[in-house]
């Protein structure tokens, strides 16, 4: 499996299943997408900013739900094997991506795995075992949290510097050297991790850029 990044802004994610697994999926996607959760009952857990539809669809009803909501992704997260299988079939027939939360390995065409993710916006790191061991992914995610601390501030500052330097009459090779120097500087990362203050990170970065271009 090859990890890809998908922009769900403005998209619909349709989730079948209101248990703990469905709630976890809903929280994840509600950060960006419109999430619709279909279930006869809902766990006493947070679902993010999701829409609840209290219904108990039969396998034959699934295609109608997909047609009505026009989702970018359908999640099968019920405790009914037949219903989950019907969700997978209906999604494939509609040409929609599907996540079978009850499956590990043996994925069918159009089936996707939702990885464990660590974020320090705009930086995100995803960990996946191909759906074979979510517990391992969660453990690795916890270990990565400290590794990417401050990465968001560094990425933002580097992106701004890169754009600003493109407006100046600087040799492209020298420009790339300056950007790389900032991105790899221990001092930049130290300030970002200690403070998370983009202004202070930018001050350090500006000095590095000046030293690199003057060198």
N, C-alpha and C. Protein backbone atom coordinates (compact mmCIF):
# COMPACT_ATOMS: atom_id res chain seq x y z
N UNK A 1 0.84 -1.19 0.00
CA UNK A 1 0.00 0.00 0.00
C UNK A 1 0.88 1.25 0.00
N UNK A 2 0.46 2.28 -0.75
CA UNK A 2 1.21 3.52 -0.86
C UNK A 2 0.39 4.63 -0.22
N UNK A 3 0.90 5.28 0.83
CA UNK A 3 0.15 6.36 1.48
C UNK A 3 -0.02 7.55 0.55
N UNK A 4 -1.23 8.13 0.56
CA UNK A 4 -1.54 9.34 -0.18
C UNK A 4 -2.21 10.32 0.76
N UNK A 5 -2.23 11.59 0.38
CA UNK A 5 -2.91 12.62 1.18
C UNK A 5 -4.10 13.12 0.39
N UNK A 6 -5.26 13.16 1.04
CA UNK A 6 -6.49 13.58 0.36
C UNK A 6 -7.07 14.80 1.07
N UNK A 7 -7.44 15.82 0.31
CA UNK A 7 -8.05 17.02 0.86
C UNK A 7 -9.56 16.79 0.96
N UNK A 8 -10.09 16.76 2.19
CA UNK A 8 -11.51 16.53 2.40
C UNK A 8 -12.30 17.82 2.62
N UNK A 9 -11.67 18.96 2.44
CA UNK A 9 -12.36 20.22 2.63
C UNK A 9 -13.55 20.30 1.67
N UNK A 10 -14.75 20.50 2.22
CA UNK A 10 -15.95 20.61 1.39
C UNK A 10 -16.52 19.27 0.96
N UNK A 11 -15.90 18.17 1.36
CA UNK A 11 -16.38 16.84 0.98
C UNK A 11 -17.27 16.25 2.08
N UNK A 12 -17.97 15.18 1.73
CA UNK A 12 -18.80 14.45 2.67
C UNK A 12 -18.16 13.10 2.97
N UNK A 13 -18.13 12.74 4.24
CA UNK A 13 -17.71 11.41 4.66
C UNK A 13 -18.92 10.75 5.31
N UNK A 14 -19.33 9.62 4.77
CA UNK A 14 -20.51 8.90 5.25
C UNK A 14 -20.05 7.71 6.09
N UNK A 15 -20.46 7.68 7.35
CA UNK A 15 -20.04 6.62 8.26
C UNK A 15 -21.24 5.79 8.68
N UNK A 16 -21.14 4.50 8.50
CA UNK A 16 -22.15 3.57 9.00
C UNK A 16 -21.62 2.97 10.29
N UNK A 17 -22.29 3.27 11.39
CA UNK A 17 -21.85 2.74 12.68
C UNK A 17 -21.64 3.85 13.69
N UNK A 18 -22.39 3.78 14.80
CA UNK A 18 -22.29 4.83 15.82
C UNK A 18 -21.61 4.38 17.09
N UNK A 19 -20.82 3.30 17.01
CA UNK A 19 -20.10 2.81 18.18
C UNK A 19 -18.80 3.56 18.37
N UNK A 20 -17.95 3.06 19.27
CA UNK A 20 -16.66 3.74 19.53
C UNK A 20 -15.79 3.90 18.30
N UNK A 21 -15.79 2.88 17.42
CA UNK A 21 -14.98 2.99 16.20
C UNK A 21 -15.54 4.07 15.28
N UNK A 22 -16.86 4.06 15.11
CA UNK A 22 -17.47 5.09 14.28
C UNK A 22 -17.23 6.48 14.84
N UNK A 23 -17.27 6.60 16.18
CA UNK A 23 -17.02 7.89 16.82
C UNK A 23 -15.59 8.36 16.54
N UNK A 24 -14.63 7.45 16.64
CA UNK A 24 -13.24 7.81 16.40
C UNK A 24 -13.04 8.28 14.96
N UNK A 25 -13.65 7.56 14.02
CA UNK A 25 -13.54 7.97 12.62
C UNK A 25 -14.20 9.33 12.41
N UNK A 26 -15.36 9.53 13.04
CA UNK A 26 -16.09 10.78 12.86
C UNK A 26 -15.27 11.96 13.38
N UNK A 27 -14.68 11.80 14.56
CA UNK A 27 -13.85 12.89 15.11
C UNK A 27 -12.73 13.24 14.15
N UNK A 28 -12.13 12.23 13.59
CA UNK A 28 -10.99 12.44 12.70
C UNK A 28 -11.39 13.25 11.47
N UNK A 29 -12.46 12.83 10.82
CA UNK A 29 -12.82 13.47 9.55
C UNK A 29 -13.59 14.77 9.75
N UNK A 30 -14.25 14.93 10.90
CA UNK A 30 -15.02 16.16 11.14
C UNK A 30 -14.11 17.37 11.26
N UNK A 31 -12.82 17.17 11.43
CA UNK A 31 -11.88 18.30 11.46
C UNK A 31 -11.86 19.03 10.12
N UNK A 32 -12.26 18.33 9.06
CA UNK A 32 -12.15 18.93 7.74
C UNK A 32 -13.40 18.75 6.89
N UNK A 33 -14.05 17.61 6.98
CA UNK A 33 -15.16 17.29 6.10
C UNK A 33 -16.51 17.44 6.80
N UNK A 34 -17.55 17.39 6.02
CA UNK A 34 -18.90 17.22 6.56
C UNK A 34 -19.11 15.73 6.79
N UNK A 35 -19.37 15.36 8.02
CA UNK A 35 -19.48 13.95 8.38
C UNK A 35 -20.93 13.61 8.72
N UNK A 36 -21.43 12.56 8.09
CA UNK A 36 -22.78 12.06 8.35
C UNK A 36 -22.65 10.65 8.91
N UNK A 37 -23.18 10.44 10.12
CA UNK A 37 -23.09 9.13 10.78
C UNK A 37 -24.48 8.51 10.82
N UNK A 38 -24.60 7.31 10.26
CA UNK A 38 -25.87 6.60 10.22
C UNK A 38 -25.80 5.41 11.16
N UNK A 39 -26.71 5.38 12.13
CA UNK A 39 -26.70 4.30 13.11
C UNK A 39 -28.01 4.31 13.91
N UNK A 40 -28.48 3.14 14.35
CA UNK A 40 -29.68 3.12 15.19
C UNK A 40 -29.42 3.63 16.60
N UNK A 41 -28.18 3.50 17.06
CA UNK A 41 -27.78 3.99 18.38
C UNK A 41 -26.40 4.63 18.27
N UNK A 42 -26.09 5.50 19.23
CA UNK A 42 -24.81 6.20 19.20
C UNK A 42 -24.12 6.07 20.56
N UNK A 43 -22.84 5.76 20.53
CA UNK A 43 -22.07 5.62 21.76
C UNK A 43 -21.98 6.96 22.48
N UNK A 44 -21.80 6.89 23.78
CA UNK A 44 -21.65 8.10 24.58
C UNK A 44 -20.22 8.59 24.46
N UNK A 45 -19.88 9.01 23.26
CA UNK A 45 -18.54 9.51 22.95
C UNK A 45 -18.64 10.73 22.06
N UNK A 46 -17.55 11.47 21.94
CA UNK A 46 -17.52 12.63 21.07
C UNK A 46 -17.46 12.19 19.61
N UNK A 47 -18.25 12.82 18.77
CA UNK A 47 -18.26 12.55 17.34
C UNK A 47 -17.79 13.76 16.54
N UNK A 48 -17.24 14.76 17.22
CA UNK A 48 -16.87 15.97 16.52
C UNK A 48 -18.13 16.69 16.03
N UNK A 49 -17.97 17.53 15.05
CA UNK A 49 -19.11 18.27 14.49
C UNK A 49 -19.76 17.41 13.40
N UNK A 50 -20.33 16.28 13.82
CA UNK A 50 -20.94 15.35 12.87
C UNK A 50 -22.46 15.48 12.87
N UNK A 51 -23.06 15.03 11.80
CA UNK A 51 -24.52 14.98 11.69
C UNK A 51 -24.97 13.55 11.99
N UNK A 52 -25.95 13.41 12.87
CA UNK A 52 -26.44 12.09 13.24
C UNK A 52 -27.73 11.78 12.49
N UNK A 53 -27.80 10.58 11.94
CA UNK A 53 -29.02 10.07 11.33
C UNK A 53 -29.36 8.77 12.04
N UNK A 54 -30.43 8.78 12.83
CA UNK A 54 -30.79 7.59 13.60
C UNK A 54 -31.60 6.66 12.70
N UNK A 55 -30.94 5.65 12.20
CA UNK A 55 -31.57 4.70 11.29
C UNK A 55 -30.80 3.38 11.34
N UNK A 56 -31.51 2.31 10.98
CA UNK A 56 -30.88 0.99 10.95
C UNK A 56 -30.99 0.45 9.53
N UNK A 57 -30.10 0.89 8.65
CA UNK A 57 -30.22 0.49 7.24
C UNK A 57 -29.94 -0.99 7.02
N UNK A 58 -30.71 -1.58 6.12
CA UNK A 58 -30.43 -2.94 5.66
C UNK A 58 -29.35 -2.86 4.60
N UNK A 59 -28.69 -4.00 4.32
CA UNK A 59 -27.68 -3.98 3.24
C UNK A 59 -28.21 -3.41 1.93
N UNK A 60 -29.48 -3.66 1.66
CA UNK A 60 -30.05 -3.18 0.39
C UNK A 60 -30.23 -1.66 0.38
N UNK A 61 -30.20 -1.03 1.56
CA UNK A 61 -30.41 0.41 1.64
C UNK A 61 -29.15 1.23 1.41
N UNK A 62 -28.00 0.59 1.49
CA UNK A 62 -26.74 1.33 1.51
C UNK A 62 -26.54 2.18 0.26
N UNK A 63 -26.81 1.62 -0.90
CA UNK A 63 -26.58 2.37 -2.15
C UNK A 63 -27.42 3.64 -2.18
N UNK A 64 -28.61 3.60 -1.59
CA UNK A 64 -29.45 4.79 -1.55
C UNK A 64 -28.85 5.89 -0.69
N UNK A 65 -28.24 5.49 0.45
CA UNK A 65 -27.58 6.47 1.30
C UNK A 65 -26.39 7.11 0.57
N UNK A 66 -25.65 6.29 -0.16
CA UNK A 66 -24.49 6.82 -0.89
C UNK A 66 -24.95 7.78 -1.98
N UNK A 67 -26.01 7.42 -2.69
CA UNK A 67 -26.52 8.29 -3.75
C UNK A 67 -27.03 9.61 -3.17
N UNK A 68 -27.66 9.55 -1.99
CA UNK A 68 -28.26 10.75 -1.40
C UNK A 68 -27.21 11.72 -0.85
N UNK A 69 -26.11 11.19 -0.33
CA UNK A 69 -25.11 12.05 0.32
C UNK A 69 -23.92 12.39 -0.57
N UNK A 70 -23.70 11.63 -1.63
CA UNK A 70 -22.59 11.87 -2.56
C UNK A 70 -21.26 12.02 -1.82
N UNK A 71 -20.84 11.00 -1.06
CA UNK A 71 -19.63 11.13 -0.25
C UNK A 71 -18.34 10.93 -1.05
N UNK A 72 -17.25 11.47 -0.52
CA UNK A 72 -15.93 11.20 -1.07
C UNK A 72 -15.37 9.91 -0.48
N UNK A 73 -15.86 9.57 0.71
CA UNK A 73 -15.41 8.37 1.42
C UNK A 73 -16.56 7.81 2.22
N UNK A 74 -16.67 6.48 2.21
CA UNK A 74 -17.66 5.78 3.03
C UNK A 74 -16.90 4.91 4.02
N UNK A 75 -17.32 4.94 5.27
CA UNK A 75 -16.69 4.14 6.32
C UNK A 75 -17.67 3.10 6.82
N UNK A 76 -17.25 1.84 6.80
CA UNK A 76 -18.05 0.74 7.34
C UNK A 76 -17.52 0.43 8.74
N UNK A 77 -18.29 0.82 9.77
CA UNK A 77 -17.81 0.66 11.14
C UNK A 77 -18.91 0.08 12.03
N UNK A 78 -19.72 -0.82 11.48
CA UNK A 78 -20.76 -1.44 12.28
C UNK A 78 -20.27 -2.79 12.82
N UNK A 79 -21.09 -3.42 13.65
CA UNK A 79 -20.76 -4.76 14.15
C UNK A 79 -21.50 -5.84 13.38
N UNK A 80 -22.01 -5.47 12.20
CA UNK A 80 -22.75 -6.38 11.33
C UNK A 80 -21.91 -6.68 10.10
N UNK A 81 -21.40 -7.89 10.00
CA UNK A 81 -20.52 -8.24 8.87
C UNK A 81 -21.22 -8.08 7.53
N UNK A 82 -22.48 -8.48 7.46
CA UNK A 82 -23.22 -8.39 6.20
C UNK A 82 -23.40 -6.93 5.78
N UNK A 83 -23.71 -6.07 6.75
CA UNK A 83 -23.89 -4.66 6.42
C UNK A 83 -22.57 -4.03 6.00
N UNK A 84 -21.50 -4.34 6.71
CA UNK A 84 -20.18 -3.81 6.33
C UNK A 84 -19.80 -4.25 4.92
N UNK A 85 -20.08 -5.51 4.60
CA UNK A 85 -19.77 -6.02 3.25
C UNK A 85 -20.60 -5.28 2.21
N UNK A 86 -21.86 -5.01 2.55
CA UNK A 86 -22.74 -4.29 1.61
C UNK A 86 -22.24 -2.86 1.41
N UNK A 87 -21.74 -2.24 2.46
CA UNK A 87 -21.17 -0.90 2.35
C UNK A 87 -20.00 -0.91 1.38
N UNK A 88 -19.13 -1.91 1.53
CA UNK A 88 -17.98 -2.02 0.63
C UNK A 88 -18.40 -2.20 -0.81
N UNK A 89 -19.37 -3.09 -1.05
CA UNK A 89 -19.83 -3.34 -2.42
C UNK A 89 -20.47 -2.09 -3.02
N UNK A 90 -21.34 -1.45 -2.26
CA UNK A 90 -22.04 -0.28 -2.78
C UNK A 90 -21.08 0.86 -3.08
N UNK A 91 -20.09 1.04 -2.22
CA UNK A 91 -19.10 2.10 -2.45
C UNK A 91 -18.31 1.84 -3.73
N UNK A 92 -17.88 0.59 -3.91
CA UNK A 92 -17.12 0.25 -5.12
C UNK A 92 -17.96 0.44 -6.37
N UNK A 93 -19.21 0.03 -6.29
CA UNK A 93 -20.10 0.19 -7.46
C UNK A 93 -20.31 1.66 -7.79
N UNK A 94 -20.30 2.52 -6.77
CA UNK A 94 -20.49 3.95 -6.99
C UNK A 94 -19.19 4.67 -7.31
N UNK A 95 -18.07 3.94 -7.28
CA UNK A 95 -16.78 4.56 -7.54
C UNK A 95 -16.31 5.45 -6.42
N UNK A 96 -16.69 5.10 -5.17
CA UNK A 96 -16.35 5.89 -3.99
C UNK A 96 -15.36 5.11 -3.13
N UNK A 97 -14.40 5.81 -2.56
CA UNK A 97 -13.45 5.16 -1.66
C UNK A 97 -14.18 4.63 -0.42
N UNK A 98 -13.70 3.52 0.10
CA UNK A 98 -14.33 2.92 1.28
C UNK A 98 -13.26 2.49 2.28
N UNK A 99 -13.57 2.71 3.54
CA UNK A 99 -12.71 2.25 4.63
C UNK A 99 -13.49 1.21 5.44
N UNK A 100 -13.03 -0.05 5.37
CA UNK A 100 -13.64 -1.12 6.16
C UNK A 100 -12.94 -1.17 7.50
N UNK A 101 -13.55 -0.57 8.53
CA UNK A 101 -12.92 -0.51 9.84
C UNK A 101 -12.85 -1.87 10.51
N UNK A 102 -13.58 -2.84 9.97
CA UNK A 102 -13.59 -4.18 10.56
C UNK A 102 -12.60 -5.12 9.89
N UNK A 103 -11.83 -4.61 8.95
CA UNK A 103 -10.91 -5.44 8.18
C UNK A 103 -9.46 -5.12 8.51
N UNK A 104 -8.62 -6.16 8.49
CA UNK A 104 -7.17 -5.96 8.59
C UNK A 104 -6.54 -6.83 7.52
N UNK A 105 -5.87 -6.17 6.57
CA UNK A 105 -5.28 -6.91 5.46
C UNK A 105 -6.33 -7.31 4.45
N UNK A 106 -5.89 -7.90 3.35
CA UNK A 106 -6.81 -8.40 2.33
C UNK A 106 -7.73 -7.33 1.77
N UNK A 107 -7.23 -6.15 1.56
CA UNK A 107 -8.07 -5.05 1.10
C UNK A 107 -8.46 -5.22 -0.37
N UNK A 108 -9.68 -4.79 -0.68
CA UNK A 108 -10.15 -4.86 -2.05
C UNK A 108 -9.87 -3.55 -2.77
N UNK A 109 -10.05 -3.55 -4.07
CA UNK A 109 -9.81 -2.36 -4.87
C UNK A 109 -10.72 -1.22 -4.39
N UNK A 110 -10.15 -0.04 -4.25
CA UNK A 110 -10.92 1.10 -3.79
C UNK A 110 -10.99 1.22 -2.28
N UNK A 111 -10.42 0.23 -1.57
CA UNK A 111 -10.45 0.26 -0.12
C UNK A 111 -9.23 1.01 0.40
N UNK A 112 -9.43 1.84 1.42
CA UNK A 112 -8.34 2.63 1.96
C UNK A 112 -8.20 2.37 3.45
N UNK A 113 -7.02 2.62 3.96
CA UNK A 113 -6.73 2.54 5.39
C UNK A 113 -6.54 3.96 5.90
N UNK A 114 -7.12 4.27 7.04
CA UNK A 114 -6.97 5.59 7.65
C UNK A 114 -5.82 5.49 8.64
N UNK A 115 -4.69 6.14 8.36
CA UNK A 115 -3.51 5.98 9.22
C UNK A 115 -3.62 6.76 10.52
N UNK A 116 -2.82 6.35 11.49
CA UNK A 116 -2.64 7.16 12.69
C UNK A 116 -1.82 8.38 12.29
N UNK A 117 -2.21 9.54 12.78
CA UNK A 117 -1.59 10.78 12.32
C UNK A 117 -1.16 11.66 13.49
N UNK A 118 0.03 12.24 13.35
CA UNK A 118 0.52 13.23 14.29
C UNK A 118 0.60 14.55 13.54
N UNK A 119 0.04 15.62 14.12
CA UNK A 119 0.00 16.89 13.41
C UNK A 119 0.59 18.02 14.23
N UNK A 120 1.29 18.88 13.53
CA UNK A 120 1.68 20.19 14.03
C UNK A 120 1.53 21.08 12.80
N UNK A 121 0.30 21.48 12.53
CA UNK A 121 -0.04 22.13 11.26
C UNK A 121 0.96 23.22 10.87
N UNK A 122 1.33 23.22 9.58
CA UNK A 122 0.81 22.42 8.48
C UNK A 122 1.51 21.07 8.28
N UNK A 123 2.29 20.64 9.23
CA UNK A 123 3.01 19.37 9.11
C UNK A 123 2.16 18.23 9.65
N UNK A 124 2.15 17.15 8.92
CA UNK A 124 1.45 15.96 9.38
C UNK A 124 2.29 14.74 9.07
N UNK A 125 2.35 13.82 10.01
CA UNK A 125 3.08 12.56 9.80
C UNK A 125 2.10 11.41 10.00
N UNK A 126 2.00 10.54 9.02
CA UNK A 126 1.07 9.42 9.09
C UNK A 126 1.83 8.12 9.30
N UNK A 127 1.25 7.24 10.11
CA UNK A 127 1.83 5.93 10.39
C UNK A 127 0.79 4.87 10.07
N UNK A 128 1.16 3.89 9.29
CA UNK A 128 0.21 2.84 8.97
C UNK A 128 0.90 1.48 8.94
N UNK A 129 0.17 0.47 9.35
CA UNK A 129 0.63 -0.91 9.22
C UNK A 129 -0.21 -1.63 8.17
N UNK A 130 -0.84 -0.83 7.29
CA UNK A 130 -1.70 -1.43 6.28
C UNK A 130 -2.99 -1.98 6.87
N UNK A 131 -3.33 -1.52 8.07
CA UNK A 131 -4.54 -1.99 8.73
C UNK A 131 -4.36 -3.27 9.50
N UNK A 132 -3.14 -3.82 9.51
CA UNK A 132 -2.93 -5.11 10.18
C UNK A 132 -2.77 -4.98 11.68
N UNK A 133 -2.29 -3.82 12.16
CA UNK A 133 -2.07 -3.68 13.60
C UNK A 133 -2.22 -2.23 14.02
N UNK A 134 -3.46 -1.75 14.19
CA UNK A 134 -3.68 -0.37 14.61
C UNK A 134 -2.99 -0.03 15.93
N UNK A 135 -2.86 -1.01 16.83
CA UNK A 135 -2.22 -0.75 18.12
C UNK A 135 -0.76 -0.34 17.93
N UNK A 136 -0.08 -0.95 16.97
CA UNK A 136 1.31 -0.58 16.69
C UNK A 136 1.37 0.84 16.13
N UNK A 137 0.43 1.17 15.25
CA UNK A 137 0.38 2.52 14.69
C UNK A 137 0.18 3.55 15.79
N UNK A 138 -0.71 3.25 16.73
CA UNK A 138 -0.96 4.19 17.83
C UNK A 138 0.27 4.37 18.69
N UNK A 139 1.01 3.29 18.94
CA UNK A 139 2.24 3.39 19.75
C UNK A 139 3.27 4.27 19.03
N UNK A 140 3.45 4.05 17.75
CA UNK A 140 4.40 4.84 17.00
C UNK A 140 3.98 6.31 16.93
N UNK A 141 2.67 6.53 16.84
CA UNK A 141 2.18 7.91 16.81
C UNK A 141 2.57 8.64 18.09
N UNK A 142 2.43 8.00 19.23
CA UNK A 142 2.80 8.63 20.49
C UNK A 142 4.29 8.98 20.52
N UNK A 143 5.11 8.07 19.99
CA UNK A 143 6.55 8.32 19.99
C UNK A 143 6.92 9.47 19.05
N UNK A 144 6.14 9.64 17.99
CA UNK A 144 6.45 10.68 17.02
C UNK A 144 6.02 12.07 17.47
N UNK A 145 5.12 12.14 18.44
CA UNK A 145 4.60 13.43 18.87
C UNK A 145 5.71 14.39 19.30
N UNK A 146 6.68 13.88 20.04
CA UNK A 146 7.78 14.75 20.48
C UNK A 146 8.72 15.09 19.33
N UNK A 147 8.81 14.19 18.36
CA UNK A 147 9.74 14.41 17.24
C UNK A 147 9.32 15.56 16.35
N UNK A 148 8.01 15.76 16.17
CA UNK A 148 7.59 16.81 15.24
C UNK A 148 7.17 18.09 15.96
N UNK A 149 7.35 18.13 17.26
CA UNK A 149 7.02 19.35 17.99
C UNK A 149 7.80 20.53 17.40
N UNK A 150 7.11 21.59 17.08
CA UNK A 150 7.74 22.77 16.49
C UNK A 150 7.84 22.72 14.98
N UNK A 151 7.53 21.57 14.38
CA UNK A 151 7.69 21.44 12.93
C UNK A 151 6.75 22.37 12.17
N UNK A 152 5.57 22.62 12.73
CA UNK A 152 4.64 23.51 12.05
C UNK A 152 5.18 24.92 11.92
N UNK A 153 5.78 25.43 13.00
CA UNK A 153 6.35 26.78 12.95
C UNK A 153 7.50 26.85 11.97
N UNK A 154 8.35 25.81 11.97
CA UNK A 154 9.49 25.80 11.04
C UNK A 154 9.00 25.76 9.60
N UNK A 155 8.03 24.90 9.33
CA UNK A 155 7.53 24.77 7.95
C UNK A 155 6.91 26.07 7.47
N UNK A 156 6.17 26.75 8.34
CA UNK A 156 5.54 28.01 7.95
C UNK A 156 6.58 29.08 7.66
N UNK A 157 7.60 29.18 8.52
CA UNK A 157 8.65 30.18 8.33
C UNK A 157 9.45 29.89 7.07
N UNK A 158 9.78 28.63 6.86
CA UNK A 158 10.56 28.26 5.66
C UNK A 158 9.76 28.55 4.39
N UNK A 159 8.47 28.27 4.41
CA UNK A 159 7.63 28.54 3.24
C UNK A 159 7.58 30.03 2.95
N UNK A 160 7.45 30.84 4.01
CA UNK A 160 7.42 32.30 3.82
C UNK A 160 8.75 32.82 3.28
N UNK A 161 9.84 32.30 3.83
CA UNK A 161 11.16 32.72 3.36
C UNK A 161 11.37 32.34 1.90
N UNK A 162 10.97 31.14 1.57
CA UNK A 162 11.14 30.66 0.19
C UNK A 162 10.40 31.57 -0.79
N UNK A 163 9.16 31.95 -0.41
CA UNK A 163 8.38 32.84 -1.28
C UNK A 163 9.03 34.22 -1.38
N UNK A 164 9.52 34.72 -0.23
CA UNK A 164 10.13 36.06 -0.22
C UNK A 164 11.42 36.09 -1.03
N UNK A 165 12.21 35.04 -0.91
CA UNK A 165 13.49 35.00 -1.63
C UNK A 165 13.28 34.91 -3.14
N UNK A 166 12.17 34.32 -3.57
CA UNK A 166 11.90 34.22 -5.00
C UNK A 166 11.64 35.58 -5.63
N UNK A 167 11.27 36.53 -4.81
CA UNK A 167 11.00 37.88 -5.35
C UNK A 167 12.27 38.70 -5.48
N UNK A 168 13.39 38.18 -4.97
CA UNK A 168 14.65 38.90 -5.01
C UNK A 168 15.55 38.36 -6.12
N UNK A 169 16.43 39.20 -6.58
CA UNK A 169 17.35 38.79 -7.65
C UNK A 169 18.51 38.01 -7.05
N UNK A 170 18.24 36.75 -6.77
CA UNK A 170 19.23 35.87 -6.16
C UNK A 170 19.37 34.63 -7.03
N UNK A 171 20.60 34.21 -7.20
CA UNK A 171 20.86 33.00 -7.97
C UNK A 171 20.04 31.84 -7.36
N UNK A 172 19.33 31.07 -8.19
CA UNK A 172 18.48 29.98 -7.67
C UNK A 172 19.24 28.99 -6.77
N UNK A 173 20.49 28.71 -7.12
CA UNK A 173 21.27 27.77 -6.31
C UNK A 173 21.53 28.35 -4.93
N UNK A 174 21.88 29.63 -4.87
CA UNK A 174 22.12 30.29 -3.59
C UNK A 174 20.83 30.36 -2.78
N UNK A 175 19.72 30.60 -3.46
CA UNK A 175 18.43 30.67 -2.79
C UNK A 175 18.09 29.34 -2.13
N UNK A 176 18.29 28.26 -2.89
CA UNK A 176 18.01 26.93 -2.33
C UNK A 176 18.91 26.61 -1.15
N UNK A 177 20.17 27.05 -1.25
CA UNK A 177 21.10 26.83 -0.14
C UNK A 177 20.62 27.54 1.13
N UNK A 178 20.12 28.75 0.96
CA UNK A 178 19.64 29.52 2.11
C UNK A 178 18.42 28.86 2.74
N UNK A 179 17.52 28.39 1.90
CA UNK A 179 16.31 27.73 2.41
C UNK A 179 16.67 26.45 3.14
N UNK A 180 17.58 25.66 2.55
CA UNK A 180 18.00 24.41 3.19
C UNK A 180 18.71 24.69 4.51
N UNK A 181 19.50 25.75 4.54
CA UNK A 181 20.23 26.09 5.76
C UNK A 181 19.27 26.37 6.91
N UNK A 182 18.19 27.06 6.61
CA UNK A 182 17.19 27.35 7.65
C UNK A 182 16.47 26.07 8.06
N UNK A 183 16.05 25.29 7.08
CA UNK A 183 15.27 24.08 7.38
C UNK A 183 16.07 23.07 8.20
N UNK A 184 17.39 23.08 8.05
CA UNK A 184 18.22 22.08 8.73
C UNK A 184 18.95 22.63 9.96
N UNK A 185 18.75 23.90 10.26
CA UNK A 185 19.49 24.52 11.37
C UNK A 185 18.96 24.05 12.73
N UNK A 186 19.86 23.55 13.57
CA UNK A 186 19.47 23.12 14.91
C UNK A 186 18.92 24.28 15.73
N UNK A 187 19.48 25.48 15.53
CA UNK A 187 19.01 26.63 16.31
C UNK A 187 17.56 26.97 15.97
N UNK A 188 17.20 26.85 14.71
CA UNK A 188 15.81 27.11 14.30
C UNK A 188 14.87 26.13 14.98
N UNK A 189 15.22 24.86 14.94
CA UNK A 189 14.37 23.84 15.55
C UNK A 189 14.31 23.99 17.07
N UNK A 190 15.42 24.37 17.68
CA UNK A 190 15.44 24.54 19.13
C UNK A 190 14.47 25.64 19.56
N UNK A 191 14.49 26.76 18.85
CA UNK A 191 13.59 27.86 19.19
C UNK A 191 12.14 27.45 18.94
N UNK A 192 11.90 26.76 17.84
CA UNK A 192 10.53 26.34 17.52
C UNK A 192 9.98 25.39 18.58
N UNK A 193 10.81 24.45 19.03
CA UNK A 193 10.35 23.48 20.03
C UNK A 193 10.20 24.09 21.41
N UNK A 194 11.05 25.05 21.72
CA UNK A 194 10.99 25.67 23.05
C UNK A 194 9.86 26.68 23.16
N UNK A 195 9.58 27.40 22.08
CA UNK A 195 8.62 28.51 22.18
C UNK A 195 7.38 28.34 21.29
N UNK A 196 7.54 27.70 20.14
CA UNK A 196 6.43 27.62 19.19
C UNK A 196 6.07 28.98 18.61
N UNK A 197 6.91 29.97 18.84
CA UNK A 197 6.66 31.35 18.42
C UNK A 197 7.25 31.57 17.02
N UNK A 198 6.39 31.73 16.03
CA UNK A 198 6.87 31.91 14.66
C UNK A 198 7.71 33.16 14.51
N UNK A 199 7.38 34.21 15.26
CA UNK A 199 8.15 35.45 15.16
C UNK A 199 9.60 35.22 15.57
N UNK A 200 9.81 34.49 16.67
CA UNK A 200 11.18 34.24 17.14
C UNK A 200 11.89 33.28 16.18
N UNK A 201 11.16 32.32 15.65
CA UNK A 201 11.76 31.40 14.67
C UNK A 201 12.19 32.17 13.43
N UNK A 202 11.36 33.12 13.03
CA UNK A 202 11.69 33.91 11.84
C UNK A 202 12.92 34.79 12.07
N UNK A 203 13.07 35.31 13.27
CA UNK A 203 14.25 36.13 13.57
C UNK A 203 15.53 35.32 13.41
N UNK A 204 15.53 34.09 13.93
CA UNK A 204 16.70 33.22 13.80
C UNK A 204 16.92 32.86 12.34
N UNK A 205 15.81 32.57 11.64
CA UNK A 205 15.91 32.18 10.23
C UNK A 205 16.48 33.32 9.39
N UNK A 206 16.06 34.54 9.66
CA UNK A 206 16.54 35.69 8.89
C UNK A 206 18.06 35.84 9.04
N UNK A 207 18.55 35.61 10.25
CA UNK A 207 20.00 35.70 10.46
C UNK A 207 20.73 34.62 9.67
N UNK A 208 20.18 33.44 9.64
CA UNK A 208 20.81 32.34 8.91
C UNK A 208 20.82 32.63 7.41
N UNK A 209 19.70 33.15 6.91
CA UNK A 209 19.64 33.50 5.49
C UNK A 209 20.69 34.55 5.14
N UNK A 210 20.80 35.57 5.98
CA UNK A 210 21.79 36.64 5.73
C UNK A 210 23.20 36.10 5.73
N UNK A 211 23.51 35.24 6.71
CA UNK A 211 24.86 34.66 6.80
C UNK A 211 25.13 33.77 5.58
N UNK A 212 24.12 33.04 5.14
CA UNK A 212 24.31 32.12 4.01
C UNK A 212 24.52 32.89 2.71
N UNK A 213 23.74 33.93 2.49
CA UNK A 213 23.87 34.69 1.26
C UNK A 213 25.12 35.56 1.23
N UNK A 214 25.59 35.97 2.42
CA UNK A 214 26.80 36.79 2.49
C UNK A 214 28.07 35.93 2.45
N UNK A 215 27.90 34.64 2.72
CA UNK A 215 29.07 33.77 2.82
C UNK A 215 29.70 33.43 1.49
